[in-house]
Amino acid sequence: MTNFFKNWVSLSAATAIFMSASQVLIPSTAHAADMLDGEGETLVEFGTGWYLRGDIGGTVTEVTGETNAVAGDVDLGDTISVNVAAGFEAGSGVRYEIGLSHYNGLEFSGRNSSGCGSELVGGVSVPITGNCSTELDGDVIATAVTASVFKDFTQIGAFTPYVGLGGGFTYISSNGITWDSTCVGTVATDCGAGAGIGTHSTGAGSYTNDSSFGLVANLMVGAAYDVSDNVKLDFGYKYSYLTSTTVGSDEGAGINGSDLELDSIQHHELRVGLRYAIW
């Protein structure tokens, strides 16, 4: 009987303590519910549309350009790009992005056949025979800032295909672009007086490093794979077209006494990276 009484007192005390604590907690719980309903402090959660994207890319085909120095295309070689962007999902599958892309170590090279010119023989100008050409070599660095709009299509399993268009500005600079003109003779009368058979230099020089701004337009297609609620694996293809830019100044010893201009650059790129919903 004594033990029963002690247990009843302990239970009564515990019940009283629990009821007192409940009176304290209930208002706090109600206040938290009010906040979730939009009253008081607003809670921020994932799914509001803002995200960050980062990826790397590699050229699908060689980057090519056209220049005023040599006829035809010049080759800028294969390169790896680094891309970062901030974006917002506006709804109905539409996304907007502001991005930064950097292309380092583009190896500028080009070569074209040309006429060998002429020389005076006995006071008469006669054409020089032989196989003459001019070669360009150097490095180019490009950085682009673009604004893009994307359209996400209906999700297929865990994949969401998309297309995108973008445009902006690009900053291109050069480093150590040189040129060398040669004549290759196959008979003794080739390449002018005193030349003949063999390879002979007919001129060489270098451009002073220069840089300029140009315009860039992009077309993107790809798909995103849901890794988690706020992380997507993003992979796709990007085509870029860059307008005319000056990459070398004739303050050095340029060809034809003019600056080196890239009339256009076309770039094909495969990219892979991550999209992360920040809130």
Protein backbone atom coordinates (compact mmCIF):
# COMPACT_ATOMS: atom_id res chain seq x y z
CA MET A 1 0.00 0.00 0.00
CA THR A 2 2.83 2.31 0.84
CA ASN A 3 4.55 1.60 -2.49
CA PHE A 4 1.28 2.16 -4.37
CA PHE A 5 0.87 5.53 -2.68
CA LYS A 6 4.44 6.54 -3.52
CA ASN A 7 3.98 5.56 -7.17
CA TRP A 8 0.68 7.46 -7.36
CA VAL A 9 2.36 10.60 -5.95
CA SER A 10 5.26 10.28 -8.44
CA LEU A 11 2.83 9.82 -11.33
CA SER A 12 0.76 12.80 -10.20
CA ALA A 13 3.88 14.97 -9.96
CA ALA A 14 5.09 13.91 -13.41
CA THR A 15 1.65 14.62 -14.88
CA ALA A 16 1.63 18.08 -13.32
CA ILE A 17 5.08 18.84 -14.70
CA PHE A 18 4.07 17.65 -18.19
CA MET A 19 0.90 19.78 -18.17
CA SER A 20 2.87 22.84 -17.08
CA ALA A 21 5.44 22.29 -19.82
CA SER A 22 2.65 21.85 -22.38
CA GLN A 23 1.20 25.24 -21.48
CA VAL A 24 4.62 26.78 -22.23
CA LEU A 25 5.24 24.88 -25.49
CA ILE A 26 1.80 25.24 -27.08
CA PRO A 27 2.07 29.01 -27.73
CA SER A 28 5.53 28.52 -29.25
CA THR A 29 4.21 25.77 -31.49
CA ALA A 30 1.29 27.91 -32.54
CA HIS A 31 3.69 30.78 -33.29
CA ALA A 32 5.82 28.51 -35.48
CA ALA A 33 2.71 27.41 -37.33
CA ASP A 34 1.80 31.05 -37.88
CA MET A 35 5.22 31.65 -39.46
CA LEU A 36 4.75 28.69 -41.79
CA ASP A 37 1.38 30.16 -42.78
CA GLY A 38 3.09 33.38 -43.81
CA GLU A 39 2.59 35.38 -40.62
CA GLY A 40 5.71 36.75 -39.02
CA GLU A 41 9.14 35.67 -40.24
CA THR A 42 9.34 34.23 -43.80
CA LEU A 43 11.15 30.89 -44.20
CA VAL A 44 13.48 30.44 -47.20
CA GLU A 45 13.64 26.98 -48.77
CA PHE A 46 14.91 25.22 -51.87
CA GLY A 47 12.81 25.42 -55.00
CA THR A 48 12.44 29.17 -55.48
CA GLY A 49 14.36 29.05 -58.79
CA TRP A 50 17.84 30.45 -58.19
CA TYR A 51 20.81 28.24 -59.05
CA LEU A 52 24.53 28.20 -59.80
CA ARG A 53 26.14 26.28 -62.66
CA GLY A 54 29.74 25.28 -63.29
CA ASP A 55 31.17 23.12 -66.05
CA ILE A 56 34.18 22.35 -68.18
CA GLY A 57 34.21 21.85 -71.93
CA GLY A 58 36.35 20.54 -74.74
CA THR A 59 36.25 21.30 -78.45
CA VAL A 60 34.38 18.88 -80.67
CA THR A 61 36.10 20.16 -83.79
CA GLU A 62 39.06 22.48 -84.04
CA VAL A 63 38.35 26.13 -83.41
CA THR A 64 38.82 28.00 -86.67
CA GLY A 65 39.04 31.66 -87.62
CA GLU A 66 39.58 33.90 -90.61
CA THR A 67 42.26 36.56 -90.68
CA ASN A 68 43.31 39.42 -92.92
CA ALA A 69 46.93 38.24 -92.86
CA VAL A 70 46.68 34.91 -94.66
CA ALA A 71 44.00 33.58 -96.98
CA GLY A 72 41.62 30.90 -95.75
CA ASP A 73 41.13 29.62 -92.21
CA VAL A 74 43.60 29.67 -89.35
CA ASP A 75 43.58 26.99 -86.68
CA LEU A 76 43.31 27.83 -82.97
CA GLY A 77 43.74 24.20 -81.93
CA ASP A 78 41.90 22.20 -79.28
CA THR A 79 41.28 23.78 -75.92
CA ILE A 80 39.55 23.23 -72.58
CA SER A 81 37.07 25.84 -71.39
CA VAL A 82 35.92 26.74 -67.88
CA ASN A 83 32.36 28.07 -67.50
CA VAL A 84 30.45 29.46 -64.51
CA ALA A 85 26.95 30.96 -64.42
CA ALA A 86 24.13 32.13 -62.16
CA GLY A 87 20.60 31.40 -63.26
CA PHE A 88 16.93 31.72 -62.40
CA GLU A 89 14.07 29.37 -63.27
CA ALA A 90 11.22 31.70 -64.22
CA GLY A 91 8.58 29.00 -64.65
CA SER A 92 6.97 27.23 -67.62
CA GLY A 93 10.36 25.67 -68.38
CA VAL A 94 12.07 29.03 -69.02
CA ARG A 95 15.45 29.77 -67.45
CA TYR A 96 17.72 32.83 -67.59
CA GLU A 97 21.48 32.85 -67.03
CA ILE A 98 24.40 35.24 -66.77
CA GLY A 99 27.61 33.36 -67.53
CA LEU A 100 31.39 33.70 -67.77
CA SER A 101 33.48 31.45 -70.07
CA HIS A 102 37.27 31.34 -70.29
CA TYR A 103 39.37 29.73 -73.02
CA ASN A 104 43.07 29.54 -72.34
CA GLY A 105 45.98 28.32 -74.45
CA LEU A 106 44.44 28.65 -77.90
CA GLU A 107 47.37 27.93 -80.22
CA PHE A 108 47.17 30.29 -83.17
CA SER A 109 48.52 28.75 -86.38
CA GLY A 110 47.86 29.33 -90.06
CA ARG A 111 49.57 28.87 -93.36
CA ASN A 112 48.68 29.85 -96.90
CA SER A 113 50.28 29.67 -100.29
CA SER A 114 50.91 32.97 -102.02
CA GLY A 115 52.65 34.48 -104.99
CA CYS A 116 56.39 34.94 -104.74
CA GLY A 117 56.38 38.50 -106.02
CA SER A 118 58.77 39.82 -108.62
CA GLU A 119 62.37 41.07 -109.04
CA LEU A 120 64.29 43.29 -111.41
CA VAL A 121 66.41 41.47 -113.97
CA GLY A 122 68.30 43.77 -116.30
CA GLY A 123 65.98 46.62 -115.36
CA VAL A 124 62.89 44.55 -116.14
CA SER A 125 60.45 43.28 -113.49
CA VAL A 126 59.99 39.52 -113.80
CA PRO A 127 57.94 37.17 -111.58
CA ILE A 128 59.76 35.03 -109.05
CA THR A 129 59.03 31.33 -109.40
CA GLY A 130 58.82 28.70 -106.65
CA ASN A 131 56.39 27.61 -103.95
CA CYS A 132 55.87 30.54 -101.57
CA SER A 133 53.83 30.60 -98.36
CA THR A 134 53.37 32.51 -95.11
CA GLU A 135 52.95 30.90 -91.69
CA LEU A 136 51.46 32.41 -88.52
CA ASP A 137 52.05 31.12 -84.98
CA GLY A 138 51.17 32.35 -81.48
CA ASP A 139 48.79 32.11 -78.53
CA VAL A 140 45.31 33.55 -78.02
CA ILE A 141 43.28 33.89 -74.80
CA ALA A 142 39.52 34.52 -74.86
CA THR A 143 37.01 35.41 -72.13
CA ALA A 144 33.28 35.85 -72.78
CA VAL A 145 30.45 37.30 -70.68
CA THR A 146 27.00 36.31 -71.95
CA ALA A 147 23.30 36.43 -71.12
CA SER A 148 21.27 33.38 -72.16
CA VAL A 149 17.71 32.09 -72.15
CA PHE A 150 16.89 28.38 -71.99
CA LYS A 151 13.77 26.33 -72.60
CA ASP A 152 13.42 23.09 -70.63
CA PHE A 153 11.17 20.48 -72.21
CA THR A 154 9.07 17.73 -70.65
CA GLN A 155 11.12 15.53 -68.34
CA ILE A 156 11.87 12.03 -69.67
CA GLY A 157 12.56 9.83 -66.68
CA ALA A 158 15.29 11.63 -64.74
CA PHE A 159 16.41 13.61 -67.82
CA THR A 160 15.21 17.07 -68.87
CA PRO A 161 16.25 18.11 -72.42
CA TYR A 162 16.74 21.80 -73.21
CA VAL A 163 17.76 24.33 -75.87
CA GLY A 164 19.25 27.78 -75.34
CA LEU A 165 20.29 30.99 -77.06
CA GLY A 166 22.75 33.55 -75.77
CA GLY A 167 24.87 36.52 -76.66
CA GLY A 168 27.29 38.97 -75.15
CA PHE A 169 30.81 40.32 -75.27
CA THR A 170 34.17 38.62 -75.63
CA TYR A 171 37.65 39.85 -74.74
CA ILE A 172 40.47 38.37 -76.82
CA SER A 173 44.19 38.94 -76.30
CA SER A 174 47.29 37.51 -77.95
CA ASN A 175 50.78 36.50 -76.94
CA GLY A 176 53.82 36.19 -79.20
CA ILE A 177 52.25 35.96 -82.66
CA THR A 178 54.98 35.63 -85.29
CA TRP A 179 54.98 35.21 -89.07
CA ASP A 180 57.49 33.68 -91.47
CA SER A 181 57.34 33.76 -95.27
CA THR A 182 59.32 31.19 -97.22
CA CYS A 183 60.01 30.13 -100.80
CA VAL A 184 60.72 26.52 -101.68
CA GLY A 185 62.68 26.10 -104.88
CA THR A 186 62.79 22.94 -106.94
CA VAL A 187 65.02 24.23 -109.76
CA ALA A 188 67.97 26.61 -109.84
CA THR A 189 65.93 29.52 -111.18
CA ASP A 190 63.33 29.43 -108.36
CA CYS A 191 63.07 31.88 -105.46
CA GLY A 192 64.95 34.75 -107.05
CA ALA A 193 68.59 35.64 -107.61
CA GLY A 194 71.07 33.60 -105.61
CA ALA A 195 68.41 31.27 -104.20
CA GLY A 196 67.49 28.22 -106.28
CA ILE A 197 66.78 24.77 -104.90
CA GLY A 198 65.82 24.52 -101.21
CA THR A 199 63.81 26.49 -98.63
CA HIS A 200 64.54 30.20 -98.37
CA SER A 201 63.13 32.84 -96.01
CA THR A 202 61.65 35.82 -97.79
CA GLY A 203 60.58 37.71 -94.68
CA ALA A 204 59.80 37.29 -90.99
CA GLY A 205 58.49 39.34 -88.09
CA SER A 206 56.20 39.47 -85.10
CA TYR A 207 53.09 41.34 -84.03
CA THR A 208 52.94 43.41 -80.87
CA ASN A 209 50.55 41.80 -78.39
CA ASP A 210 47.13 43.39 -78.60
CA SER A 211 43.58 42.83 -77.34
CA SER A 212 40.07 43.95 -78.17
CA PHE A 213 36.39 43.39 -77.47
CA GLY A 214 34.00 41.66 -79.84
CA LEU A 215 30.52 40.19 -79.92
CA VAL A 216 29.67 36.53 -79.38
CA ALA A 217 26.51 34.51 -80.10
CA ASN A 218 25.83 31.03 -78.67
CA LEU A 219 23.48 28.15 -79.41
CA MET A 220 23.14 25.38 -76.82
CA VAL A 221 21.39 21.99 -76.70
CA GLY A 222 21.63 19.43 -73.95
CA ALA A 223 19.96 17.66 -71.05
CA ALA A 224 20.00 17.72 -67.25
CA TYR A 225 19.92 14.64 -65.01
CA ASP A 226 18.43 14.83 -61.52
CA VAL A 227 21.08 13.77 -59.01
CA SER A 228 19.08 15.01 -56.00
CA ASP A 229 16.37 17.56 -55.21
CA ASN A 230 18.75 20.48 -55.67
CA VAL A 231 21.60 19.08 -57.81
CA LYS A 232 21.49 18.34 -61.55
CA LEU A 233 24.15 16.90 -63.84
CA ASP A 234 24.17 19.17 -66.91
CA PHE A 235 25.71 18.08 -70.20
CA GLY A 236 25.36 19.37 -73.75
CA TYR A 237 26.75 21.00 -76.89
CA LYS A 238 27.49 24.70 -77.46
CA TYR A 239 28.17 26.47 -80.76
CA SER A 240 29.82 29.90 -80.56
CA TYR A 241 30.36 32.55 -83.21
CA LEU A 242 32.70 35.46 -82.40
CA THR A 243 32.87 38.60 -84.51
CA SER A 244 35.94 40.43 -85.79
CA THR A 245 38.61 41.33 -83.24
CA THR A 246 42.16 42.68 -83.39
CA VAL A 247 44.71 40.36 -81.80
CA GLY A 248 48.02 41.81 -83.01
CA SER A 249 49.37 45.30 -83.63
CA ASP A 250 51.63 46.23 -86.54
CA GLU A 251 53.85 48.18 -84.12
CA GLY A 252 56.08 45.12 -84.33
CA ALA A 253 56.61 43.98 -87.90
CA GLY A 254 53.26 42.82 -89.23
CA ILE A 255 52.40 41.39 -92.60
CA ASN A 256 51.44 43.93 -95.26
CA GLY A 257 51.86 46.79 -92.79
CA SER A 258 48.52 46.18 -91.04
CA ASP A 259 47.23 44.93 -87.69
CA LEU A 260 46.30 41.27 -87.35
CA GLU A 261 42.54 40.84 -87.26
CA LEU A 262 40.45 37.72 -86.74
CA ASP A 263 37.44 38.25 -88.97
CA SER A 264 35.44 35.55 -87.17
CA ILE A 265 35.84 32.51 -84.94
CA GLN A 266 33.62 29.43 -84.90
CA HIS A 267 33.82 27.12 -81.90
CA HIS A 268 32.14 23.72 -81.30
CA GLU A 269 32.20 22.48 -77.73
CA LEU A 270 30.99 19.61 -75.55
CA ARG A 271 30.39 20.55 -71.91
CA VAL A 272 29.60 18.74 -68.67
CA GLY A 273 29.00 20.19 -65.23
CA LEU A 274 26.63 20.65 -62.29
CA ARG A 275 23.64 22.87 -61.53
CA TYR A 276 23.05 23.55 -57.85
CA ALA A 277 19.83 25.12 -56.50
CA ILE A 278 20.97 27.66 -53.93
CA TRP A 279 17.43 28.38 -52.58
